[in-house]
């Protein structure tokens, strides 16, 4: 599927990333030897958590996602419906995803059948076969490490900013390849 996409179709990878919590995130930075910056202890999650339900279009090399407070089958279905709006209905979407139980719900399968989406499951304990997994490493490194966001809005803004940057960087790389 990754090497040769069938004509009139798209290969899109899907996975959840999170939970995102409002707590200090460890990272690397230069610090004075005698007075390093300390991270405060946080034991409770007064503001809850957020999850990024993300998509990676293998053909376009584009990444995007939506934040939700939970990652049940209802939120997964809402994310899939938003995915469908990115492509014409006649174009089949091969959606690569893992075996997380909300993905296997009858409601999800029924929606996929009715909307020209083919669900392609990765084998159990083989998440590395889903190409979206390596995208999450960059998000963590460039927008989360060494931070302490006070609100979920700040955290989501940082993640979205990195995703925009990442997609523009990839577009520029592909333009350079075409020119040479």
N, C-alpha and C. Protein backbone atom coordinates (compact mmCIF):
# COMPACT_ATOMS: atom_id res chain seq x y z
N UNK A 1 0.83 -1.19 0.00
CA UNK A 1 0.00 0.00 0.00
C UNK A 1 0.87 1.26 0.00
N UNK A 2 1.97 1.23 0.74
CA UNK A 2 2.80 2.43 0.82
C UNK A 2 3.54 2.70 -0.49
N UNK A 3 4.02 1.66 -1.12
CA UNK A 3 4.82 1.85 -2.34
C UNK A 3 3.99 2.21 -3.54
N UNK A 4 2.86 1.51 -3.70
CA UNK A 4 2.03 1.76 -4.87
C UNK A 4 0.57 1.85 -4.44
N UNK A 5 0.09 3.06 -4.44
CA UNK A 5 -1.30 3.31 -4.08
C UNK A 5 -2.19 2.95 -5.27
N UNK A 6 -3.26 2.20 -5.06
CA UNK A 6 -4.17 1.90 -6.17
C UNK A 6 -4.72 3.17 -6.81
N UNK A 7 -4.95 3.14 -8.12
CA UNK A 7 -5.47 4.32 -8.83
C UNK A 7 -6.80 4.75 -8.24
N UNK A 8 -7.00 6.06 -8.17
CA UNK A 8 -8.24 6.62 -7.66
C UNK A 8 -8.43 6.45 -6.17
N UNK A 9 -7.31 6.36 -5.44
CA UNK A 9 -7.42 6.16 -3.99
C UNK A 9 -6.30 6.88 -3.26
N UNK A 10 -6.40 6.91 -1.96
CA UNK A 10 -5.41 7.52 -1.07
C UNK A 10 -5.07 6.54 0.05
N UNK A 11 -3.83 6.59 0.50
CA UNK A 11 -3.42 5.83 1.68
C UNK A 11 -3.20 6.83 2.80
N UNK A 12 -3.98 6.68 3.87
CA UNK A 12 -3.92 7.59 5.01
C UNK A 12 -3.72 6.76 6.27
N UNK A 13 -2.79 7.17 7.10
CA UNK A 13 -2.54 6.51 8.38
C UNK A 13 -3.25 7.27 9.49
N UNK A 14 -3.72 6.55 10.49
CA UNK A 14 -4.44 7.17 11.60
C UNK A 14 -3.95 6.58 12.93
N UNK A 15 -3.84 7.45 13.94
CA UNK A 15 -3.55 6.98 15.29
C UNK A 15 -3.84 8.11 16.27
N UNK A 16 -3.90 7.74 17.54
CA UNK A 16 -4.10 8.70 18.62
C UNK A 16 -2.76 9.04 19.24
N UNK A 17 -2.62 10.29 19.65
CA UNK A 17 -1.41 10.73 20.33
C UNK A 17 -1.84 11.44 21.61
N UNK A 18 -1.31 11.02 22.72
CA UNK A 18 -1.68 11.62 23.99
C UNK A 18 -1.73 10.53 25.04
N UNK A 19 -2.20 10.83 26.18
CA UNK A 19 -2.90 12.05 26.57
C UNK A 19 -1.94 13.21 26.82
N UNK A 20 -2.40 14.42 26.46
CA UNK A 20 -1.67 15.64 26.75
C UNK A 20 -2.16 16.15 28.09
N UNK A 21 -1.23 16.41 28.98
CA UNK A 21 -1.57 16.88 30.33
C UNK A 21 -0.91 18.24 30.55
N UNK A 22 -1.51 19.05 31.40
CA UNK A 22 -0.92 20.32 31.78
C UNK A 22 0.03 20.08 32.95
N UNK A 23 1.23 19.70 32.61
CA UNK A 23 2.25 19.44 33.61
C UNK A 23 3.61 19.75 32.99
N UNK A 24 4.61 19.95 33.80
CA UNK A 24 5.94 20.23 33.23
C UNK A 24 6.43 19.05 32.39
N UNK A 25 6.97 19.35 31.25
CA UNK A 25 7.54 18.33 30.36
C UNK A 25 9.06 18.45 30.43
N UNK A 26 9.70 17.35 30.65
CA UNK A 26 11.15 17.34 30.70
C UNK A 26 11.72 17.52 29.31
N UNK A 27 12.91 18.08 29.28
CA UNK A 27 13.60 18.27 28.02
C UNK A 27 15.05 18.58 28.31
N UNK A 28 15.78 19.00 27.31
CA UNK A 28 17.19 19.33 27.49
C UNK A 28 17.37 20.83 27.29
N UNK A 29 18.19 21.44 28.14
CA UNK A 29 18.55 22.84 27.99
C UNK A 29 19.82 23.11 28.80
N UNK A 30 20.43 24.25 28.51
CA UNK A 30 21.61 24.64 29.25
C UNK A 30 21.17 25.25 30.56
N UNK A 31 21.81 24.88 31.66
CA UNK A 31 21.46 25.43 32.96
C UNK A 31 22.73 25.75 33.73
N UNK A 32 22.60 26.72 34.62
CA UNK A 32 23.74 27.03 35.48
C UNK A 32 24.00 25.84 36.38
N UNK A 33 25.25 25.67 36.73
CA UNK A 33 25.64 24.52 37.53
C UNK A 33 25.04 24.58 38.94
N UNK A 34 25.01 25.72 39.55
CA UNK A 34 24.59 25.82 40.95
C UNK A 34 23.08 26.02 41.12
N UNK A 35 22.41 26.61 40.16
CA UNK A 35 20.99 26.92 40.34
C UNK A 35 20.19 26.45 39.12
N UNK A 36 20.03 25.17 38.93
CA UNK A 36 19.25 24.70 37.78
C UNK A 36 17.77 25.04 37.96
N UNK A 37 17.11 25.21 36.84
CA UNK A 37 15.67 25.48 36.87
C UNK A 37 14.95 24.19 37.26
N UNK A 38 14.15 24.25 38.29
CA UNK A 38 13.44 23.08 38.78
C UNK A 38 12.02 23.05 38.23
N UNK A 39 11.53 21.86 37.97
CA UNK A 39 10.15 21.71 37.53
C UNK A 39 9.27 21.50 38.75
N UNK A 40 8.15 22.19 38.82
CA UNK A 40 7.26 22.00 39.96
C UNK A 40 6.56 20.65 39.90
N UNK A 41 6.22 20.14 41.06
CA UNK A 41 5.50 18.87 41.13
C UNK A 41 4.02 19.11 40.85
N UNK A 42 3.43 18.25 40.06
CA UNK A 42 1.98 18.32 39.80
C UNK A 42 1.43 16.92 39.97
N UNK A 43 0.52 16.77 40.89
CA UNK A 43 -0.01 15.45 41.19
C UNK A 43 -1.44 15.26 40.71
N UNK A 44 -2.12 16.32 40.44
CA UNK A 44 -3.52 16.21 40.01
C UNK A 44 -3.69 16.86 38.64
N UNK A 45 -4.71 16.46 37.96
CA UNK A 45 -5.02 16.98 36.62
C UNK A 45 -6.35 17.73 36.69
N UNK A 46 -6.31 18.95 37.23
CA UNK A 46 -7.53 19.73 37.41
C UNK A 46 -8.19 20.08 36.09
N UNK A 47 -7.42 20.18 35.04
CA UNK A 47 -7.95 20.59 33.74
C UNK A 47 -8.17 19.42 32.78
N UNK A 48 -8.04 18.21 33.26
CA UNK A 48 -8.24 17.05 32.41
C UNK A 48 -7.10 16.85 31.42
N UNK A 49 -7.36 16.03 30.43
CA UNK A 49 -6.35 15.73 29.40
C UNK A 49 -6.98 15.94 28.03
N UNK A 50 -6.15 15.97 27.01
CA UNK A 50 -6.59 16.05 25.63
C UNK A 50 -5.86 14.97 24.84
N UNK A 51 -6.49 14.56 23.74
CA UNK A 51 -5.92 13.56 22.85
C UNK A 51 -5.93 14.13 21.43
N UNK A 52 -4.87 13.87 20.70
CA UNK A 52 -4.79 14.27 19.29
C UNK A 52 -5.11 13.04 18.46
N UNK A 53 -6.20 13.09 17.72
CA UNK A 53 -6.54 12.04 16.77
C UNK A 53 -6.01 12.52 15.42
N UNK A 54 -4.98 11.86 14.93
CA UNK A 54 -4.17 12.40 13.84
C UNK A 54 -4.20 11.53 12.60
N UNK A 55 -3.99 12.18 11.45
CA UNK A 55 -3.95 11.54 10.15
C UNK A 55 -2.66 11.91 9.43
N UNK A 56 -2.15 10.98 8.63
CA UNK A 56 -0.96 11.22 7.82
C UNK A 56 -1.23 10.69 6.42
N UNK A 57 -1.34 11.59 5.45
CA UNK A 57 -1.53 11.21 4.06
C UNK A 57 -0.18 10.84 3.48
N UNK A 58 0.01 9.57 3.20
CA UNK A 58 1.30 9.06 2.75
C UNK A 58 1.67 9.63 1.39
N UNK A 59 0.71 9.76 0.48
CA UNK A 59 0.99 10.25 -0.87
C UNK A 59 1.38 11.73 -0.88
N UNK A 60 0.67 12.54 -0.13
CA UNK A 60 0.94 13.98 -0.09
C UNK A 60 1.99 14.36 0.95
N UNK A 61 2.33 13.42 1.83
CA UNK A 61 3.25 13.67 2.93
C UNK A 61 2.74 14.82 3.79
N UNK A 62 1.45 14.78 4.09
CA UNK A 62 0.81 15.81 4.91
C UNK A 62 0.26 15.19 6.18
N UNK A 63 0.33 15.95 7.26
CA UNK A 63 -0.08 15.50 8.59
C UNK A 63 -1.09 16.49 9.14
N UNK A 64 -2.15 16.01 9.79
CA UNK A 64 -3.10 16.88 10.47
C UNK A 64 -3.84 16.08 11.52
N UNK A 65 -4.54 16.79 12.39
CA UNK A 65 -5.26 16.09 13.44
C UNK A 65 -6.23 16.99 14.16
N UNK A 66 -7.01 16.38 15.05
CA UNK A 66 -8.04 17.08 15.80
C UNK A 66 -7.92 16.71 17.27
N UNK A 67 -8.09 17.70 18.13
CA UNK A 67 -8.01 17.47 19.58
C UNK A 67 -9.40 17.13 20.13
N UNK A 68 -9.41 16.15 21.03
CA UNK A 68 -10.63 15.75 21.73
C UNK A 68 -10.30 15.51 23.20
N UNK A 69 -11.31 15.63 24.05
CA UNK A 69 -11.10 15.37 25.46
C UNK A 69 -11.00 13.88 25.75
N UNK A 70 -11.62 13.08 24.91
CA UNK A 70 -11.58 11.63 25.10
C UNK A 70 -11.24 10.97 23.77
N UNK A 71 -11.01 9.65 23.80
CA UNK A 71 -10.73 8.94 22.54
C UNK A 71 -11.57 7.68 22.46
N UNK A 72 -12.87 7.86 22.61
CA UNK A 72 -13.82 6.76 22.48
C UNK A 72 -14.18 6.60 21.01
N UNK A 73 -15.07 5.65 20.71
CA UNK A 73 -15.46 5.43 19.32
C UNK A 73 -16.21 6.63 18.76
N UNK A 74 -16.93 7.39 19.60
CA UNK A 74 -17.67 8.55 19.10
C UNK A 74 -16.71 9.62 18.57
N UNK A 75 -15.64 9.89 19.30
CA UNK A 75 -14.65 10.87 18.84
C UNK A 75 -13.91 10.36 17.62
N UNK A 76 -13.62 9.07 17.59
CA UNK A 76 -12.96 8.49 16.43
C UNK A 76 -13.83 8.64 15.19
N UNK A 77 -15.12 8.38 15.32
CA UNK A 77 -16.04 8.52 14.19
C UNK A 77 -16.11 9.98 13.74
N UNK A 78 -16.15 10.91 14.66
CA UNK A 78 -16.17 12.34 14.28
C UNK A 78 -14.89 12.71 13.52
N UNK A 79 -13.74 12.20 13.97
CA UNK A 79 -12.49 12.47 13.26
C UNK A 79 -12.51 11.85 11.86
N UNK A 80 -13.04 10.63 11.73
CA UNK A 80 -13.12 9.99 10.41
C UNK A 80 -14.04 10.77 9.47
N UNK A 81 -15.11 11.30 9.99
CA UNK A 81 -16.02 12.10 9.16
C UNK A 81 -15.32 13.37 8.66
N UNK A 82 -14.51 13.96 9.51
CA UNK A 82 -13.73 15.13 9.08
C UNK A 82 -12.70 14.74 8.03
N UNK A 83 -12.08 13.57 8.19
CA UNK A 83 -11.14 13.08 7.19
C UNK A 83 -11.81 12.98 5.83
N UNK A 84 -13.01 12.44 5.79
CA UNK A 84 -13.71 12.23 4.52
C UNK A 84 -13.91 13.53 3.77
N UNK A 85 -14.03 14.66 4.49
CA UNK A 85 -14.25 15.95 3.81
C UNK A 85 -13.01 16.45 3.08
N UNK A 86 -11.84 15.86 3.34
CA UNK A 86 -10.60 16.29 2.68
C UNK A 86 -10.45 15.71 1.27
N UNK A 87 -11.27 14.73 0.93
CA UNK A 87 -11.11 14.02 -0.35
C UNK A 87 -12.47 13.89 -1.05
N UNK A 88 -12.46 13.83 -2.38
CA UNK A 88 -13.72 13.60 -3.10
C UNK A 88 -14.31 12.24 -2.75
N UNK A 89 -15.63 12.13 -2.76
CA UNK A 89 -16.31 10.88 -2.39
C UNK A 89 -15.92 9.72 -3.31
N UNK A 90 -15.64 10.00 -4.57
CA UNK A 90 -15.31 8.93 -5.51
C UNK A 90 -13.94 8.31 -5.22
N UNK A 91 -13.09 9.04 -4.48
CA UNK A 91 -11.75 8.57 -4.16
C UNK A 91 -11.80 7.65 -2.94
N UNK A 92 -11.34 6.43 -3.11
CA UNK A 92 -11.31 5.48 -2.00
C UNK A 92 -10.15 5.82 -1.06
N UNK A 93 -10.41 5.72 0.23
CA UNK A 93 -9.37 5.97 1.23
C UNK A 93 -9.04 4.64 1.90
N UNK A 94 -7.77 4.27 1.82
CA UNK A 94 -7.28 3.12 2.58
C UNK A 94 -6.74 3.68 3.89
N UNK A 95 -7.44 3.42 4.97
CA UNK A 95 -7.12 3.98 6.27
C UNK A 95 -6.38 2.94 7.10
N UNK A 96 -5.10 3.18 7.35
CA UNK A 96 -4.27 2.25 8.11
C UNK A 96 -4.36 2.63 9.59
N UNK A 97 -4.74 1.67 10.42
CA UNK A 97 -4.92 1.94 11.84
C UNK A 97 -4.64 0.70 12.66
N UNK A 98 -4.51 0.89 13.97
CA UNK A 98 -4.19 -0.22 14.86
C UNK A 98 -5.47 -0.90 15.36
N UNK A 99 -5.31 -1.87 16.22
CA UNK A 99 -6.44 -2.69 16.69
C UNK A 99 -7.07 -2.18 17.98
N UNK A 100 -6.94 -0.89 18.26
CA UNK A 100 -7.56 -0.29 19.44
C UNK A 100 -9.07 -0.54 19.37
N UNK A 101 -9.66 -0.98 20.47
CA UNK A 101 -11.05 -1.44 20.45
C UNK A 101 -12.06 -0.44 19.89
N UNK A 102 -11.95 0.87 20.13
CA UNK A 102 -12.93 1.78 19.50
C UNK A 102 -12.89 1.77 17.97
N UNK A 103 -11.77 1.41 17.38
CA UNK A 103 -11.67 1.37 15.92
C UNK A 103 -12.49 0.23 15.33
N UNK A 104 -12.74 -0.81 16.11
CA UNK A 104 -13.42 -2.00 15.61
C UNK A 104 -14.93 -1.99 15.85
N UNK A 105 -15.45 -0.92 16.38
CA UNK A 105 -16.88 -0.84 16.68
C UNK A 105 -17.70 -1.01 15.40
N UNK A 106 -18.87 -1.65 15.50
CA UNK A 106 -19.73 -1.82 14.32
C UNK A 106 -20.11 -0.48 13.68
N UNK A 107 -20.29 0.56 14.49
CA UNK A 107 -20.65 1.87 13.94
C UNK A 107 -19.54 2.42 13.05
N UNK A 108 -18.30 2.21 13.46
CA UNK A 108 -17.15 2.67 12.66
C UNK A 108 -17.07 1.88 11.36
N UNK A 109 -17.22 0.57 11.45
CA UNK A 109 -17.14 -0.28 10.25
C UNK A 109 -18.26 0.04 9.26
N UNK A 110 -19.45 0.25 9.79
CA UNK A 110 -20.59 0.59 8.93
C UNK A 110 -20.35 1.92 8.23
N UNK A 111 -19.88 2.90 8.98
CA UNK A 111 -19.60 4.20 8.37
C UNK A 111 -18.55 4.05 7.27
N UNK A 112 -17.50 3.28 7.52
CA UNK A 112 -16.43 3.10 6.54
C UNK A 112 -16.97 2.46 5.26
N UNK A 113 -17.79 1.42 5.41
CA UNK A 113 -18.39 0.77 4.22
C UNK A 113 -19.22 1.75 3.40
N UNK A 114 -19.98 2.60 4.07
CA UNK A 114 -20.90 3.52 3.39
C UNK A 114 -20.20 4.75 2.82
N UNK A 115 -18.93 4.97 3.16
CA UNK A 115 -18.24 6.19 2.74
C UNK A 115 -16.97 5.93 1.95
N UNK A 116 -16.87 4.78 1.33
CA UNK A 116 -15.75 4.45 0.45
C UNK A 116 -14.41 4.52 1.19
N UNK A 117 -14.40 4.02 2.42
CA UNK A 117 -13.19 3.96 3.23
C UNK A 117 -12.91 2.50 3.55
N UNK A 118 -11.71 2.06 3.26
CA UNK A 118 -11.31 0.69 3.57
C UNK A 118 -10.39 0.71 4.78
N UNK A 119 -10.80 0.05 5.85
CA UNK A 119 -9.99 0.00 7.07
C UNK A 119 -8.93 -1.10 6.93
N UNK A 120 -7.68 -0.74 7.10
CA UNK A 120 -6.56 -1.68 6.99
C UNK A 120 -5.90 -1.75 8.36
N UNK A 121 -5.97 -2.91 8.99
CA UNK A 121 -5.48 -3.08 10.35
C UNK A 121 -4.01 -3.49 10.36
N UNK A 122 -3.24 -2.87 11.25
CA UNK A 122 -1.86 -3.32 11.45
C UNK A 122 -1.91 -4.52 12.39
N UNK A 123 -0.98 -5.43 12.28
CA UNK A 123 -0.97 -6.59 13.19
C UNK A 123 -0.78 -6.15 14.65
N UNK A 124 -1.27 -6.94 15.55
CA UNK A 124 -1.10 -6.67 16.97
C UNK A 124 0.39 -6.60 17.30
N UNK A 125 0.77 -5.67 18.13
CA UNK A 125 2.16 -5.43 18.53
C UNK A 125 3.08 -5.06 17.37
N UNK A 126 2.53 -4.45 16.35
CA UNK A 126 3.35 -4.01 15.22
C UNK A 126 2.98 -2.58 14.83
N UNK A 127 2.87 -1.72 15.81
CA UNK A 127 2.48 -0.34 15.55
C UNK A 127 3.49 0.37 14.64
N UNK A 128 4.73 -0.08 14.63
CA UNK A 128 5.75 0.51 13.79
C UNK A 128 5.43 0.40 12.30
N UNK A 129 4.49 -0.49 11.93
CA UNK A 129 4.08 -0.58 10.52
C UNK A 129 3.22 0.60 10.08
N UNK A 130 2.68 1.33 11.04
CA UNK A 130 1.88 2.50 10.74
C UNK A 130 2.81 3.71 10.66
N UNK A 131 2.88 4.33 9.49
CA UNK A 131 3.86 5.40 9.26
C UNK A 131 3.59 6.67 10.05
N UNK A 132 2.46 6.77 10.68
CA UNK A 132 2.18 7.96 11.47
C UNK A 132 2.97 7.98 12.77
N UNK A 133 3.38 6.82 13.24
CA UNK A 133 4.04 6.72 14.54
C UNK A 133 5.30 7.60 14.62
N UNK A 134 6.09 7.63 13.56
CA UNK A 134 7.33 8.42 13.61
C UNK A 134 7.05 9.92 13.56
N UNK A 135 5.86 10.32 13.12
CA UNK A 135 5.51 11.74 13.11
C UNK A 135 5.35 12.27 14.53
N UNK A 136 4.89 11.42 15.43
CA UNK A 136 4.64 11.85 16.81
C UNK A 136 5.94 12.20 17.55
N UNK A 137 7.04 11.57 17.17
CA UNK A 137 8.32 11.86 17.81
C UNK A 137 8.70 13.32 17.60
N UNK A 138 8.53 13.81 16.37
CA UNK A 138 8.84 15.21 16.08
C UNK A 138 7.95 16.16 16.87
N UNK A 139 6.68 15.84 16.98
CA UNK A 139 5.77 16.71 17.74
C UNK A 139 6.23 16.81 19.18
N UNK A 140 6.53 15.68 19.77
CA UNK A 140 6.96 15.68 21.17
C UNK A 140 8.25 16.49 21.33
N UNK A 141 9.20 16.27 20.43
CA UNK A 141 10.51 16.92 20.56
C UNK A 141 10.43 18.43 20.35
N UNK A 142 9.71 18.87 19.32
CA UNK A 142 9.75 20.28 18.94
C UNK A 142 8.64 21.14 19.55
N UNK A 143 7.58 20.54 20.05
CA UNK A 143 6.54 21.40 20.61
C UNK A 143 6.19 21.08 22.06
N UNK A 144 6.69 19.98 22.62
CA UNK A 144 6.33 19.64 23.99
C UNK A 144 7.50 19.58 24.96
N UNK A 145 8.66 19.12 24.49
CA UNK A 145 9.80 18.97 25.41
C UNK A 145 10.19 20.31 26.03
N UNK A 146 10.49 20.26 27.32
CA UNK A 146 10.96 21.42 28.07
C UNK A 146 9.93 22.55 28.11
N UNK A 147 8.66 22.21 28.28
CA UNK A 147 7.58 23.20 28.36
C UNK A 147 6.76 22.98 29.61
N UNK A 148 5.99 23.99 29.94
CA UNK A 148 5.01 23.88 31.03
C UNK A 148 3.85 24.79 30.66
N UNK A 149 2.94 24.27 29.86
CA UNK A 149 1.79 25.04 29.42
C UNK A 149 0.79 25.19 30.56
N UNK A 150 0.17 26.36 30.64
CA UNK A 150 -0.80 26.63 31.69
C UNK A 150 -2.22 26.28 31.28
N UNK A 151 -2.49 26.25 29.97
CA UNK A 151 -3.84 25.91 29.47
C UNK A 151 -3.71 24.94 28.31
N UNK A 152 -4.78 24.22 28.07
CA UNK A 152 -4.81 23.32 26.91
C UNK A 152 -4.78 24.10 25.62
N UNK A 153 -5.34 25.29 25.63
CA UNK A 153 -5.33 26.12 24.42
C UNK A 153 -3.89 26.43 24.01
N UNK A 154 -3.03 26.78 24.97
CA UNK A 154 -1.61 27.04 24.67
C UNK A 154 -0.93 25.79 24.11
N UNK A 155 -1.18 24.66 24.73
CA UNK A 155 -0.58 23.40 24.30
C UNK A 155 -1.03 23.06 22.88
N UNK A 156 -2.33 23.16 22.62
CA UNK A 156 -2.85 22.84 21.29
C UNK A 156 -2.31 23.81 20.24
N UNK A 157 -2.16 25.08 20.60
CA UNK A 157 -1.61 26.06 19.67
C UNK A 157 -0.17 25.70 19.30
N UNK A 158 0.62 25.26 20.28
CA UNK A 158 2.00 24.88 20.01
C UNK A 158 2.07 23.67 19.09
N UNK A 159 1.21 22.68 19.31
CA UNK A 159 1.20 21.49 18.46
C UNK A 159 0.75 21.85 17.05
N UNK A 160 -0.30 22.65 16.93
CA UNK A 160 -0.78 23.05 15.59
C UNK A 160 0.26 23.87 14.85
N UNK A 161 0.97 24.74 15.57
CA UNK A 161 2.02 25.55 14.95
C UNK A 161 3.11 24.64 14.38
N UNK A 162 3.50 23.62 15.14
CA UNK A 162 4.52 22.71 14.63
C UNK A 162 4.00 21.93 13.43
N UNK A 163 2.75 21.50 13.46
CA UNK A 163 2.19 20.75 12.32
C UNK A 163 2.19 21.61 11.06
N UNK A 164 1.81 22.88 11.18
CA UNK A 164 1.87 23.79 10.01
C UNK A 164 3.30 23.90 9.49
N UNK A 165 4.24 24.09 10.41
CA UNK A 165 5.65 24.18 10.02
C UNK A 165 6.11 22.91 9.33
N UNK A 166 5.77 21.77 9.90
CA UNK A 166 6.17 20.48 9.35
C UNK A 166 5.63 20.29 7.94
N UNK A 167 4.36 20.61 7.73
CA UNK A 167 3.76 20.44 6.41
C UNK A 167 4.37 21.39 5.38
N UNK A 168 4.67 22.64 5.79
CA UNK A 168 5.31 23.58 4.86
C UNK A 168 6.73 23.11 4.52
N UNK A 169 7.45 22.60 5.51
CA UNK A 169 8.81 22.08 5.28
C UNK A 169 8.77 20.94 4.26
N UNK A 170 7.80 20.04 4.41
CA UNK A 170 7.70 18.91 3.49
C UNK A 170 7.33 19.37 2.08
N UNK A 171 6.44 20.35 1.98
CA UNK A 171 6.09 20.88 0.65
C UNK A 171 7.31 21.48 -0.03
N UNK A 172 8.09 22.24 0.72
CA UNK A 172 9.28 22.86 0.15
C UNK A 172 10.30 21.82 -0.28
N UNK A 173 10.45 20.74 0.48
CA UNK A 173 11.37 19.66 0.09
C UNK A 173 10.92 19.03 -1.22
N UNK A 174 9.62 18.78 -1.36
CA UNK A 174 9.14 18.13 -2.58
C UNK A 174 9.28 19.07 -3.78
N UNK A 175 9.13 20.38 -3.60
CA UNK A 175 9.33 21.32 -4.70
C UNK A 175 10.77 21.31 -5.15
N UNK A 176 11.70 21.25 -4.21
CA UNK A 176 13.13 21.22 -4.55
C UNK A 176 13.48 19.96 -5.33
N UNK A 177 12.88 18.83 -4.96
CA UNK A 177 13.13 17.58 -5.68
C UNK A 177 12.67 17.68 -7.12
N UNK A 178 11.52 18.32 -7.34
CA UNK A 178 10.98 18.46 -8.70
C UNK A 178 11.87 19.35 -9.53
N UNK A 179 12.42 20.42 -8.95
CA UNK A 179 13.25 21.36 -9.70
C UNK A 179 14.58 20.77 -10.10
N UNK A 180 15.11 19.83 -9.34
CA UNK A 180 16.44 19.28 -9.65
C UNK A 180 16.36 18.11 -10.55
